[in-house]
Amino acid sequence: MIIRSDVPMPPLRNRFRVRLEAMEIGDSFLYEGTFKEIASFRNSVTQAAKALNKKFTVRADPFSGVMCWRIA
C-alpha cells in the first residue's frame, strides 16, 4: 500500500454541514430555492443533525422560503 499526500479531499456531500456545525442554540438562517431544492435542503439538515448529534428544525415561510433553527 502506498500512502499519498497529493490527493485532495473530496468536497462534502452535504453542502450545508459546515454552516450547521457553526450554529449555536437559537441561531437561524433563511434558505430560498425551488421546491426541489427545499426538499433536498430539508433532507440535508436531517442527515447533518444525525451526524453532528444536534437538533434543528426547519419551517416554511410562505413569503420567503424556509427558516432553519438550531434547537438543541
Protein backbone atom coordinates (compact mmCIF):
# COMPACT_ATOMS: atom_id res chain seq x y z
CA MET A 1 0.00 0.00 0.00
CA ILE A 2 1.29 3.43 -0.96
CA ILE A 3 0.39 6.45 1.18
CA ARG A 4 -0.10 9.59 -0.89
CA SER A 5 -0.45 13.15 0.31
CA ASP A 6 -1.03 14.90 -3.03
CA VAL A 7 -4.67 13.82 -3.47
CA PRO A 8 -7.15 16.47 -2.24
CA MET A 9 -10.15 15.59 -0.09
CA PRO A 10 -13.43 15.37 -1.99
CA PRO A 11 -15.99 18.07 -1.26
CA LEU A 12 -18.53 17.47 1.49
CA ARG A 13 -21.56 15.55 0.31
CA ASN A 14 -23.73 17.74 2.50
CA ARG A 15 -23.03 21.33 1.49
CA PHE A 16 -24.95 22.72 4.48
CA ARG A 17 -23.00 20.81 7.13
CA VAL A 18 -20.32 23.49 7.63
CA ARG A 19 -22.98 26.15 8.24
CA LEU A 20 -24.91 23.85 10.61
CA GLU A 21 -21.76 22.99 12.60
CA ALA A 22 -21.14 26.67 13.31
CA MET A 23 -24.65 27.35 14.65
CA GLU A 24 -25.33 27.91 18.35
CA ILE A 25 -28.66 27.15 20.02
CA GLY A 26 -31.18 29.77 18.91
CA ASP A 27 -29.33 30.72 15.71
CA SER A 28 -31.24 30.61 12.44
CA PHE A 29 -30.85 31.27 8.74
CA LEU A 30 -33.14 31.62 5.74
CA TYR A 31 -32.91 29.30 2.74
CA GLU A 32 -34.57 30.16 -0.55
CA GLY A 33 -34.89 27.83 -3.52
CA THR A 34 -37.17 25.86 -5.76
CA PHE A 35 -39.49 23.21 -4.35
CA LYS A 36 -36.96 20.50 -5.24
CA GLU A 37 -34.04 22.41 -3.67
CA ILE A 38 -36.03 22.98 -0.47
CA ALA A 39 -36.86 19.27 -0.27
CA SER A 40 -33.15 18.48 -0.69
CA PHE A 41 -32.29 21.09 1.96
CA ARG A 42 -34.68 19.53 4.48
CA ASN A 43 -33.14 16.10 3.86
CA SER A 44 -29.62 17.52 4.20
CA VAL A 45 -30.47 19.15 7.54
CA THR A 46 -31.88 15.86 8.85
CA GLN A 47 -28.77 13.92 7.83
CA ALA A 48 -26.39 16.55 9.22
CA ALA A 49 -28.31 16.68 12.52
CA LYS A 50 -27.81 12.94 12.98
CA ALA A 51 -24.12 13.14 12.10
CA LEU A 52 -23.49 16.16 14.36
CA ASN A 53 -25.69 14.87 17.20
CA LYS A 54 -27.56 18.21 17.28
CA LYS A 55 -31.20 19.14 16.74
CA PHE A 56 -32.55 21.52 14.12
CA THR A 57 -35.99 22.50 12.94
CA VAL A 58 -36.98 23.74 9.51
CA ARG A 59 -40.20 25.68 8.99
CA ALA A 60 -41.69 27.03 5.80
CA ASP A 61 -42.19 30.77 5.44
CA PRO A 62 -44.82 31.26 2.70
CA PHE A 63 -43.27 34.53 1.59
CA SER A 64 -39.53 33.85 1.56
CA GLY A 65 -38.55 30.15 1.60
CA VAL A 66 -37.72 28.16 4.73
CA MET A 67 -36.09 29.05 8.04
CA CYS A 68 -33.72 26.69 9.84
CA TRP A 69 -33.11 26.97 13.61
CA ARG A 70 -30.79 25.07 15.90
CA ILE A 71 -32.90 23.98 18.87
CA ALA A 72 -30.53 21.72 20.85
